[in-house]
Amino acid sequence: MPAYLRRDIVDSLLRQLKEVLEALKSSGLPSEAVYENLRDLASGVFEVASVSGLSFEDAARAVIDALGREDAGKLVDVEAVEKAYGRSKAEEWARLVSSA
């Protein structure tokens, strides 16, 4: 699969996730409920990216660019990154999102 298609798949998922995130935030739900409801979906982006052959660096950049560092940190479980890319990348993810 060409690199541009891999990135397009992830970008499409992230656009949809961002739309749902914005809608839930504006719905008046408590913020923890918003994040809880989207956590599996957001974490799954890393699994899709990994299976698609997208590098961790590109996937992390796409997630942070689309959702913002704070929301990305609240939505993506470190365990999902570890499952998709390994322990060292999960540790790197934790550092990336904690530096907000």
PDB file of N, CA and C in Angstrom:
ATOM      1  N   MET A   1       0.850  -1.173   0.000  1.00  0.00           N
ATOM      2  CA  MET A   1       0.000   0.000   0.000  1.00  0.00           C
ATOM      3  C   MET A   1       0.895   1.236   0.000  1.00  0.00           C
ATOM      4  N   PRO A   2       0.658   2.158  -0.908  1.00  0.00           N
ATOM      5  CA  PRO A   2       1.479   3.374  -0.961  1.00  0.00           C
ATOM      6  C   PRO A   2       1.369   4.181   0.334  1.00  0.00           C
ATOM      7  N   ALA A   3       2.439   4.870   0.668  1.00  0.00           N
ATOM      8  CA  ALA A   3       2.497   5.639   1.919  1.00  0.00           C
ATOM      9  C   ALA A   3       1.372   6.669   2.010  1.00  0.00           C
ATOM     10  N   TYR A   4       1.055   7.326   0.885  1.00  0.00           N
ATOM     11  CA  TYR A   4       0.018   8.360   0.947  1.00  0.00           C
ATOM     12  C   TYR A   4      -1.339   7.764   1.303  1.00  0.00           C
ATOM     13  N   LEU A   5      -1.617   6.528   0.886  1.00  0.00           N
ATOM     14  CA  LEU A   5      -2.883   5.883   1.235  1.00  0.00           C
ATOM     15  C   LEU A   5      -2.926   5.519   2.710  1.00  0.00           C
ATOM     16  N   ARG A   6      -1.779   5.066   3.238  1.00  0.00           N
ATOM     17  CA  ARG A   6      -1.726   4.740   4.666  1.00  0.00           C
ATOM     18  C   ARG A   6      -2.061   5.976   5.488  1.00  0.00           C
ATOM     19  N   ARG A   7      -1.452   7.081   5.131  1.00  0.00           N
ATOM     20  CA  ARG A   7      -1.687   8.322   5.870  1.00  0.00           C
ATOM     21  C   ARG A   7      -3.123   8.804   5.656  1.00  0.00           C
ATOM     22  N   ASP A   8      -3.661   8.636   4.455  1.00  0.00           N
ATOM     23  CA  ASP A   8      -5.045   9.047   4.184  1.00  0.00           C
ATOM     24  C   ASP A   8      -6.047   8.283   5.050  1.00  0.00           C
ATOM     25  N   ILE A   9      -5.807   6.998   5.252  1.00  0.00           N
ATOM     26  CA  ILE A   9      -6.698   6.188   6.085  1.00  0.00           C
ATOM     27  C   ILE A   9      -6.706   6.724   7.510  1.00  0.00           C
ATOM     28  N   VAL A  10      -5.528   6.948   8.054  1.00  0.00           N
ATOM     29  CA  VAL A  10      -5.419   7.456   9.422  1.00  0.00           C
ATOM     30  C   VAL A  10      -6.016   8.856   9.519  1.00  0.00           C
ATOM     31  N   ASP A  11      -5.724   9.710   8.558  1.00  0.00           N
ATOM     32  CA  ASP A  11      -6.274  11.070   8.574  1.00  0.00           C
ATOM     33  C   ASP A  11      -7.802  11.057   8.517  1.00  0.00           C
ATOM     34  N   SER A  12      -8.367  10.161   7.727  1.00  0.00           N
ATOM     35  CA  SER A  12      -9.819  10.053   7.629  1.00  0.00           C
ATOM     36  C   SER A  12     -10.424   9.629   8.972  1.00  0.00           C
ATOM     37  N   LEU A  13      -9.825   8.638   9.603  1.00  0.00           N
ATOM     38  CA  LEU A  13     -10.291   8.220  10.927  1.00  0.00           C
ATOM     39  C   LEU A  13     -10.206   9.361  11.929  1.00  0.00           C
ATOM     40  N   LEU A  14      -9.120  10.095  11.881  1.00  0.00           N
ATOM     41  CA  LEU A  14      -8.922  11.194  12.825  1.00  0.00           C
ATOM     42  C   LEU A  14      -9.902  12.338  12.587  1.00  0.00           C
ATOM     43  N   ARG A  15     -10.217  12.626  11.341  1.00  0.00           N
ATOM     44  CA  ARG A  15     -11.216  13.667  11.047  1.00  0.00           C
ATOM     45  C   ARG A  15     -12.568  13.289  11.646  1.00  0.00           C
ATOM     46  N   GLN A  16     -12.939  12.034  11.450  1.00  0.00           N
ATOM     47  CA  GLN A  16     -14.218  11.573  11.988  1.00  0.00           C
ATOM     48  C   GLN A  16     -14.209  11.584  13.514  1.00  0.00           C
ATOM     49  N   LEU A  17     -13.114  11.150  14.100  1.00  0.00           N
ATOM     50  CA  LEU A  17     -12.985  11.164  15.553  1.00  0.00           C
ATOM     51  C   LEU A  17     -13.073  12.585  16.091  1.00  0.00           C
ATOM     52  N   LYS A  18     -12.412  13.513  15.428  1.00  0.00           N
ATOM     53  CA  LYS A  18     -12.433  14.920  15.847  1.00  0.00           C
ATOM     54  C   LYS A  18     -13.860  15.475  15.792  1.00  0.00           C
ATOM     55  N   GLU A  19     -14.599  15.144  14.744  1.00  0.00           N
ATOM     56  CA  GLU A  19     -15.987  15.607  14.628  1.00  0.00           C
ATOM     57  C   GLU A  19     -16.846  15.083  15.775  1.00  0.00           C
ATOM     58  N   VAL A  20     -16.694  13.809  16.087  1.00  0.00           N
ATOM     59  CA  VAL A  20     -17.459  13.216  17.183  1.00  0.00           C
ATOM     60  C   VAL A  20     -17.035  13.829  18.511  1.00  0.00           C
ATOM     61  N   LEU A  21     -15.744  14.027  18.700  1.00  0.00           N
ATOM     62  CA  LEU A  21     -15.229  14.645  19.923  1.00  0.00           C
ATOM     63  C   LEU A  21     -15.829  16.031  20.121  1.00  0.00           C
ATOM     64  N   GLU A  22     -15.814  16.836  19.070  1.00  0.00           N
ATOM     65  CA  GLU A  22     -16.370  18.194  19.149  1.00  0.00           C
ATOM     66  C   GLU A  22     -17.868  18.153  19.468  1.00  0.00           C
ATOM     67  N   ALA A  23     -18.585  17.232  18.821  1.00  0.00           N
ATOM     68  CA  ALA A  23     -20.028  17.129  19.054  1.00  0.00           C
ATOM     69  C   ALA A  23     -20.324  16.725  20.497  1.00  0.00           C
ATOM     70  N   LEU A  24     -19.574  15.764  21.010  1.00  0.00           N
ATOM     71  CA  LEU A  24     -19.801  15.330  22.388  1.00  0.00           C
ATOM     72  C   LEU A  24     -19.414  16.407  23.391  1.00  0.00           C
ATOM     73  N   LYS A  25     -18.334  17.122  23.113  1.00  0.00           N
ATOM     74  CA  LYS A  25     -17.927  18.207  24.014  1.00  0.00           C
ATOM     75  C   LYS A  25     -18.999  19.285  24.082  1.00  0.00           C
ATOM     76  N   SER A  26     -19.619  19.583  22.951  1.00  0.00           N
ATOM     77  CA  SER A  26     -20.629  20.643  22.923  1.00  0.00           C
ATOM     78  C   SER A  26     -22.000  20.160  23.396  1.00  0.00           C
ATOM     79  N   SER A  27     -22.139  18.862  23.632  1.00  0.00           N
ATOM     80  CA  SER A  27     -23.434  18.309  24.040  1.00  0.00           C
ATOM     81  C   SER A  27     -23.743  18.511  25.514  1.00  0.00           C
ATOM     82  N   GLY A  28     -22.748  18.912  26.271  1.00  0.00           N
ATOM     83  CA  GLY A  28     -22.972  19.103  27.697  1.00  0.00           C
ATOM     84  C   GLY A  28     -22.620  17.897  28.543  1.00  0.00           C
ATOM     85  N   LEU A  29     -22.156  16.819  27.910  1.00  0.00           N
ATOM     86  CA  LEU A  29     -21.712  15.657  28.684  1.00  0.00           C
ATOM     87  C   LEU A  29     -20.518  16.047  29.546  1.00  0.00           C
ATOM     88  N   PRO A  30     -20.392  15.450  30.712  1.00  0.00           N
ATOM     89  CA  PRO A  30     -19.180  15.689  31.507  1.00  0.00           C
ATOM     90  C   PRO A  30     -17.952  15.251  30.706  1.00  0.00           C
ATOM     91  N   SER A  31     -16.867  15.982  30.843  1.00  0.00           N
ATOM     92  CA  SER A  31     -15.693  15.708  30.010  1.00  0.00           C
ATOM     93  C   SER A  31     -15.180  14.286  30.176  1.00  0.00           C
ATOM     94  N   GLU A  32     -15.226  13.732  31.384  1.00  0.00           N
ATOM     95  CA  GLU A  32     -14.752  12.354  31.559  1.00  0.00           C
ATOM     96  C   GLU A  32     -15.601  11.378  30.758  1.00  0.00           C
ATOM     97  N   ALA A  33     -16.891  11.629  30.667  1.00  0.00           N
ATOM     98  CA  ALA A  33     -17.771  10.766  29.873  1.00  0.00           C
ATOM     99  C   ALA A  33     -17.432  10.870  28.391  1.00  0.00           C
ATOM    100  N   VAL A  34     -17.098  12.061  27.943  1.00  0.00           N
ATOM    101  CA  VAL A  34     -16.710  12.260  26.542  1.00  0.00           C
ATOM    102  C   VAL A  34     -15.482  11.417  26.230  1.00  0.00           C
ATOM    103  N   TYR A  35     -14.455  11.547  27.061  1.00  0.00           N
ATOM    104  CA  TYR A  35     -13.207  10.824  26.804  1.00  0.00           C
ATOM    105  C   TYR A  35     -13.398   9.319  26.954  1.00  0.00           C
ATOM    106  N   GLU A  36     -14.173   8.917  27.945  1.00  0.00           N
ATOM    107  CA  GLU A  36     -14.410   7.492  28.169  1.00  0.00           C
ATOM    108  C   GLU A  36     -15.088   6.853  26.962  1.00  0.00           C
ATOM    109  N   ASN A  37     -16.039   7.569  26.372  1.00  0.00           N
ATOM    110  CA  ASN A  37     -16.777   7.029  25.233  1.00  0.00           C
ATOM    111  C   ASN A  37     -15.951   6.935  23.959  1.00  0.00           C
ATOM    112  N   LEU A  38     -14.906   7.714  23.859  1.00  0.00           N
ATOM    113  CA  LEU A  38     -14.103   7.730  22.625  1.00  0.00           C
ATOM    114  C   LEU A  38     -12.743   7.057  22.769  1.00  0.00           C
ATOM    115  N   ARG A  39     -12.398   6.627  23.965  1.00  0.00           N
ATOM    116  CA  ARG A  39     -11.054   6.097  24.217  1.00  0.00           C
ATOM    117  C   ARG A  39     -10.707   4.900  23.326  1.00  0.00           C
ATOM    118  N   ASP A  40     -11.607   3.943  23.199  1.00  0.00           N
ATOM    119  CA  ASP A  40     -11.313   2.766  22.378  1.00  0.00           C
ATOM    120  C   ASP A  40     -11.110   3.138  20.913  1.00  0.00           C
ATOM    121  N   LEU A  41     -11.958   4.021  20.422  1.00  0.00           N
ATOM    122  CA  LEU A  41     -11.843   4.455  19.030  1.00  0.00           C
ATOM    123  C   LEU A  41     -10.521   5.181  18.786  1.00  0.00           C
ATOM    124  N   ALA A  42     -10.185   6.090  19.688  1.00  0.00           N
ATOM    125  CA  ALA A  42      -8.944   6.856  19.531  1.00  0.00           C
ATOM    126  C   ALA A  42      -7.726   5.948  19.629  1.00  0.00           C
ATOM    127  N   SER A  43      -7.758   5.022  20.568  1.00  0.00           N
ATOM    128  CA  SER A  43      -6.636   4.102  20.720  1.00  0.00           C
ATOM    129  C   SER A  43      -6.500   3.199  19.499  1.00  0.00           C
ATOM    130  N   GLY A  44      -7.630   2.873  18.888  1.00  0.00           N
ATOM    131  CA  GLY A  44      -7.611   2.026  17.700  1.00  0.00           C
ATOM    132  C   GLY A  44      -6.924   2.658  16.507  1.00  0.00           C
ATOM    133  N   VAL A  45      -6.811   3.969  16.507  1.00  0.00           N
ATOM    134  CA  VAL A  45      -6.119   4.647  15.403  1.00  0.00           C
ATOM    135  C   VAL A  45      -4.678   4.151  15.313  1.00  0.00           C
ATOM    136  N   PHE A  46      -4.024   3.938  16.453  1.00  0.00           N
ATOM    137  CA  PHE A  46      -2.648   3.447  16.434  1.00  0.00           C
ATOM    138  C   PHE A  46      -2.572   2.019  15.906  1.00  0.00           C
ATOM    139  N   GLU A  47      -3.569   1.204  16.219  1.00  0.00           N
ATOM    140  CA  GLU A  47      -3.583  -0.157  15.692  1.00  0.00           C
ATOM    141  C   GLU A  47      -3.737  -0.142  14.173  1.00  0.00           C
ATOM    142  N   VAL A  48      -4.647   0.689  13.684  1.00  0.00           N
ATOM    143  CA  VAL A  48      -4.847   0.808  12.234  1.00  0.00           C
ATOM    144  C   VAL A  48      -3.576   1.332  11.571  1.00  0.00           C
ATOM    145  N   ALA A  49      -2.972   2.336  12.167  1.00  0.00           N
ATOM    146  CA  ALA A  49      -1.749   2.913  11.606  1.00  0.00           C
ATOM    147  C   ALA A  49      -0.639   1.872  11.541  1.00  0.00           C
ATOM    148  N   SER A  50      -0.487   1.100  12.599  1.00  0.00           N
ATOM    149  CA  SER A  50       0.562   0.086  12.641  1.00  0.00           C
ATOM    150  C   SER A  50       0.338  -0.991  11.585  1.00  0.00           C
ATOM    151  N   VAL A  51      -0.878  -1.502  11.510  1.00  0.00           N
ATOM    152  CA  VAL A  51      -1.207  -2.536  10.524  1.00  0.00           C
ATOM    153  C   VAL A  51      -1.038  -2.004   9.103  1.00  0.00           C
ATOM    154  N   SER A  52      -1.291  -0.717   8.927  1.00  0.00           N
ATOM    155  CA  SER A  52      -1.156  -0.097   7.606  1.00  0.00           C
ATOM    156  C   SER A  52       0.297   0.156   7.228  1.00  0.00           C
ATOM    157  N   GLY A  53       1.203  -0.029   8.185  1.00  0.00           N
ATOM    158  CA  GLY A  53       2.616   0.191   7.903  1.00  0.00           C
ATOM    159  C   GLY A  53       3.085   1.606   8.152  1.00  0.00           C
ATOM    160  N   LEU A  54       2.256   2.432   8.777  1.00  0.00           N
ATOM    161  CA  LEU A  54       2.634   3.808   9.084  1.00  0.00           C
ATOM    162  C   LEU A  54       3.582   3.796  10.278  1.00  0.00           C
ATOM    163  N   SER A  55       4.621   4.571  10.212  1.00  0.00           N
ATOM    164  CA  SER A  55       5.586   4.615  11.316  1.00  0.00           C
ATOM    165  C   SER A  55       4.938   5.219  12.556  1.00  0.00           C
ATOM    166  N   PHE A  56       5.494   4.888  13.710  1.00  0.00           N
ATOM    167  CA  PHE A  56       4.988   5.468  14.955  1.00  0.00           C
ATOM    168  C   PHE A  56       5.076   6.984  14.911  1.00  0.00           C
ATOM    169  N   GLU A  57       6.178   7.496  14.430  1.00  0.00           N
ATOM    170  CA  GLU A  57       6.375   8.946  14.393  1.00  0.00           C
ATOM    171  C   GLU A  57       5.296   9.632  13.571  1.00  0.00           C
ATOM    172  N   ASP A  58       4.988   9.067  12.410  1.00  0.00           N
ATOM    173  CA  ASP A  58       3.943   9.649  11.565  1.00  0.00           C
ATOM    174  C   ASP A  58       2.564   9.522  12.211  1.00  0.00           C
ATOM    175  N   ALA A  59       2.308   8.380  12.833  1.00  0.00           N
ATOM    176  CA  ALA A  59       1.016   8.181  13.491  1.00  0.00           C
ATOM    177  C   ALA A  59       0.852   9.137  14.668  1.00  0.00           C
ATOM    178  N   ALA A  60       1.878   9.256  15.482  1.00  0.00           N
ATOM    179  CA  ALA A  60       1.811  10.146  16.651  1.00  0.00           C
ATOM    180  C   ALA A  60       1.615  11.592  16.215  1.00  0.00           C
ATOM    181  N   ARG A  61       2.348  12.003  15.200  1.00  0.00           N
ATOM    182  CA  ARG A  61       2.218  13.375  14.688  1.00  0.00           C
ATOM    183  C   ARG A  61       0.796  13.621  14.180  1.00  0.00           C
ATOM    184  N   ALA A  62       0.252  12.652  13.457  1.00  0.00           N
ATOM    185  CA  ALA A  62      -1.101  12.802  12.914  1.00  0.00           C
ATOM    186  C   ALA A  62      -2.137  12.916  14.033  1.00  0.00           C
ATOM    187  N   VAL A  63      -2.004  12.087  15.055  1.00  0.00           N
ATOM    188  CA  VAL A  63      -2.960  12.110  16.166  1.00  0.00           C
ATOM    189  C   VAL A  63      -2.874  13.432  16.921  1.00  0.00           C
ATOM    190  N   ILE A  64      -1.671  13.860  17.236  1.00  0.00           N
ATOM    191  CA  ILE A  64      -1.498  15.114  17.979  1.00  0.00           C
ATOM    192  C   ILE A  64      -1.938  16.308  17.141  1.00  0.00           C
ATOM    193  N   ASP A  65      -1.606  16.302  15.860  1.00  0.00           N
ATOM    194  CA  ASP A  65      -2.027  17.404  14.986  1.00  0.00           C
ATOM    195  C   ASP A  65      -3.552  17.482  14.886  1.00  0.00           C
ATOM    196  N   ALA A  66      -4.201  16.331  14.803  1.00  0.00           N
ATOM    197  CA  ALA A  66      -5.656  16.309  14.623  1.00  0.00           C
ATOM    198  C   ALA A  66      -6.413  16.630  15.907  1.00  0.00           C
ATOM    199  N   LEU A  67      -5.944  16.096  17.020  1.00  0.00           N
ATOM    200  CA  LEU A  67      -6.709  16.201  18.263  1.00  0.00           C
ATOM    201  C   LEU A  67      -6.161  17.215  19.247  1.00  0.00           C
ATOM    202  N   GLY A  68      -4.923  17.606  19.040  1.00  0.00           N
ATOM    203  CA  GLY A  68      -4.264  18.446  20.034  1.00  0.00           C
ATOM    204  C   GLY A  68      -3.606  17.557  21.078  1.00  0.00           C
ATOM    205  N   ARG A  69      -2.549  18.038  21.663  1.00  0.00           N
ATOM    206  CA  ARG A  69      -1.766  17.241  22.613  1.00  0.00           C
ATOM    207  C   ARG A  69      -2.602  16.831  23.837  1.00  0.00           C
ATOM    208  N   GLU A  70      -3.373  17.767  24.370  1.00  0.00           N
ATOM    209  CA  GLU A  70      -4.144  17.472  25.585  1.00  0.00           C
ATOM    210  C   GLU A  70      -5.205  16.403  25.336  1.00  0.00           C
ATOM    211  N   ASP A  71      -6.013  16.581  24.290  1.00  0.00           N
ATOM    212  CA  ASP A  71      -7.049  15.593  23.995  1.00  0.00           C
ATOM    213  C   ASP A  71      -6.439  14.252  23.601  1.00  0.00           C
ATOM    214  N   ALA A  72      -5.366  14.273  22.844  1.00  0.00           N
ATOM    215  CA  ALA A  72      -4.711  13.022  22.462  1.00  0.00           C
ATOM    216  C   ALA A  72      -4.253  12.261  23.701  1.00  0.00           C
ATOM    217  N   GLY A  73      -3.696  12.987  24.656  1.00  0.00           N
ATOM    218  CA  GLY A  73      -3.242  12.348  25.887  1.00  0.00           C
ATOM    219  C   GLY A  73      -4.382  11.753  26.695  1.00  0.00           C
ATOM    220  N   LYS A  74      -5.529  12.392  26.671  1.00  0.00           N
ATOM    221  CA  LYS A  74      -6.689  11.898  27.414  1.00  0.00           C
ATOM    222  C   LYS A  74      -7.387  10.750  26.695  1.00  0.00           C
ATOM    223  N   LEU A  75      -7.273  10.718  25.380  1.00  0.00           N
ATOM    224  CA  LEU A  75      -8.010   9.732  24.595  1.00  0.00           C
ATOM    225  C   LEU A  75      -7.247   8.447  24.307  1.00  0.00           C
ATOM    226  N   VAL A  76      -5.961   8.534  24.061  1.00  0.00           N
ATOM    227  CA  VAL A  76      -5.204   7.363  23.617  1.00  0.00           C
ATOM    228  C   VAL A  76      -4.536   6.692  24.811  1.00  0.00           C
ATOM    229  N   ASP A  77      -4.885   5.438  25.043  1.00  0.00           N
ATOM    230  CA  ASP A  77      -4.259   4.662  26.105  1.00  0.00           C
ATOM    231  C   ASP A  77      -2.838   4.286  25.701  1.00  0.00           C
ATOM    232  N   VAL A  78      -1.927   4.450  26.628  1.00  0.00           N
ATOM    233  CA  VAL A  78      -0.528   4.086  26.382  1.00  0.00           C
ATOM    234  C   VAL A  78      -0.437   2.600  26.030  1.00  0.00           C
ATOM    235  N   GLU A  79      -1.291   1.793  26.633  1.00  0.00           N
ATOM    236  CA  GLU A  79      -1.280   0.354  26.363  1.00  0.00           C
ATOM    237  C   GLU A  79      -1.589   0.058  24.892  1.00  0.00           C
ATOM    238  N   ALA A  80      -2.443   0.866  24.280  1.00  0.00           N
ATOM    239  CA  ALA A  80      -2.769   0.669  22.865  1.00  0.00           C
ATOM    240  C   ALA A  80      -1.564   0.972  21.988  1.00  0.00           C
ATOM    241  N   VAL A  81      -0.812   1.995  22.358  1.00  0.00           N
ATOM    242  CA  VAL A  81       0.402   2.324  21.604  1.00  0.00           C
ATOM    243  C   VAL A  81       1.417   1.198  21.774  1.00  0.00           C
ATOM    244  N   GLU A  82       1.529   0.682  22.993  1.00  0.00           N
ATOM    245  CA  GLU A  82       2.461  -0.427  23.235  1.00  0.00           C
ATOM    246  C   GLU A  82       2.076  -1.651  22.414  1.00  0.00           C
ATOM    247  N   LYS A  83       0.791  -1.953  22.360  1.00  0.00           N
ATOM    248  CA  LYS A  83       0.321  -3.098  21.575  1.00  0.00           C
ATOM    249  C   LYS A  83       0.651  -2.919  20.094  1.00  0.00           C
ATOM    250  N   ALA A  84       0.497  -1.705  19.604  1.00  0.00           N
ATOM    251  CA  ALA A  84       0.705  -1.440  18.176  1.00  0.00           C
ATOM    252  C   ALA A  84       2.174  -1.278  17.802  1.00  0.00           C
ATOM    253  N   TYR A  85       2.964  -0.633  18.687  1.00  0.00           N
ATOM    254  CA  TYR A  85       4.333  -0.263  18.307  1.00  0.00           C
ATOM    255  C   TYR A  85       5.422  -0.701  19.288  1.00  0.00           C
ATOM    256  N   GLY A  86       5.043  -1.275  20.419  1.00  0.00           N
ATOM    257  CA  GLY A  86       6.044  -1.738  21.374  1.00  0.00           C
ATOM    258  C   GLY A  86       6.227  -0.782  22.549  1.00  0.00           C
ATOM    259  N   ARG A  87       6.919  -1.296  23.561  1.00  0.00           N
ATOM    260  CA  ARG A  87       7.079  -0.572  24.821  1.00  0.00           C
ATOM    261  C   ARG A  87       7.810   0.753  24.663  1.00  0.00           C
ATOM    262  N   SER A  88       8.894   0.772  23.897  1.00  0.00           N
ATOM    263  CA  SER A  88       9.670   2.017  23.794  1.00  0.00           C
ATOM    264  C   SER A  88       8.852   3.130  23.136  1.00  0.00           C
ATOM    265  N   LYS A  89       8.036   2.781  22.155  1.00  0.00           N
ATOM    266  CA  LYS A  89       7.191   3.796  21.509  1.00  0.00           C
ATOM    267  C   LYS A  89       6.060   4.230  22.436  1.00  0.00           C
ATOM    268  N   ALA A  90       5.567   3.318  23.268  1.00  0.00           N
ATOM    269  CA  ALA A  90       4.544   3.690  24.253  1.00  0.00           C
ATOM    270  C   ALA A  90       5.118   4.682  25.255  1.00  0.00           C
ATOM    271  N   GLU A  91       6.352   4.453  25.673  1.00  0.00           N
ATOM    272  CA  GLU A  91       7.007   5.392  26.588  1.00  0.00           C
ATOM    273  C   GLU A  91       7.215   6.742  25.910  1.00  0.00           C
ATOM    274  N   GLU A  92       7.584   6.698  24.636  1.00  0.00           N
ATOM    275  CA  GLU A  92       7.749   7.946  23.884  1.00  0.00           C
ATOM    276  C   GLU A  92       6.409   8.685  23.768  1.00  0.00           C
ATOM    277  N   TRP A  93       5.335   7.939  23.523  1.00  0.00           N
ATOM    278  CA  TRP A  93       4.003   8.549  23.446  1.00  0.00           C
ATOM    279  C   TRP A  93       3.656   9.234  24.772  1.00  0.00           C
ATOM    280  N   ALA A  94       3.905   8.550  25.864  1.00  0.00           N
ATOM    281  CA  ALA A  94       3.603   9.121  27.184  1.00  0.00           C
ATOM    282  C   ALA A  94       4.361  10.430  27.385  1.00  0.00           C
ATOM    283  N   ARG A  95       5.606  10.477  26.948  1.00  0.00           N
ATOM    284  CA  ARG A  95       6.390  11.720  27.057  1.00  0.00           C
ATOM    285  C   ARG A  95       5.824  12.807  26.145  1.00  0.00           C
ATOM    286  N   LEU A  96       5.458  12.436  24.935  1.00  0.00           N
ATOM    287  CA  LEU A  96       4.926  13.417  23.977  1.00  0.00           C
ATOM    288  C   LEU A  96       3.662  14.094  24.492  1.00  0.00           C
ATOM    289  N   VAL A  97       2.749  13.313  25.038  1.00  0.00           N
ATOM    290  CA  VAL A  97       1.476  13.894  25.458  1.00  0.00           C
ATOM    291  C   VAL A  97       1.527  14.497  26.853  1.00  0.00           C
ATOM    292  N   SER A  98       2.547  14.162  27.616  1.00  0.00           N
ATOM    293  CA  SER A  98       2.643  14.752  28.957  1.00  0.00           C
ATOM    294  C   SER A  98       3.368  16.087  28.932  1.00  0.00           C
ATOM    295  N   SER A  99       3.954  16.436  27.802  1.00  0.00           N
ATOM    296  CA  SER A  99       4.702  17.694  27.714  1.00  0.00           C
ATOM    297  C   SER A  99       3.814  18.861  27.298  1.00  0.00           C
ATOM    298  N   ALA A 100       2.514  18.692  27.471  1.00  0.00           N
ATOM    299  CA  ALA A 100       1.563  19.763  27.104  1.00  0.00           C
ATOM    300  C   ALA A 100       1.626  20.906  28.088  1.00  0.00           C
TER     301      ALA A 100
END
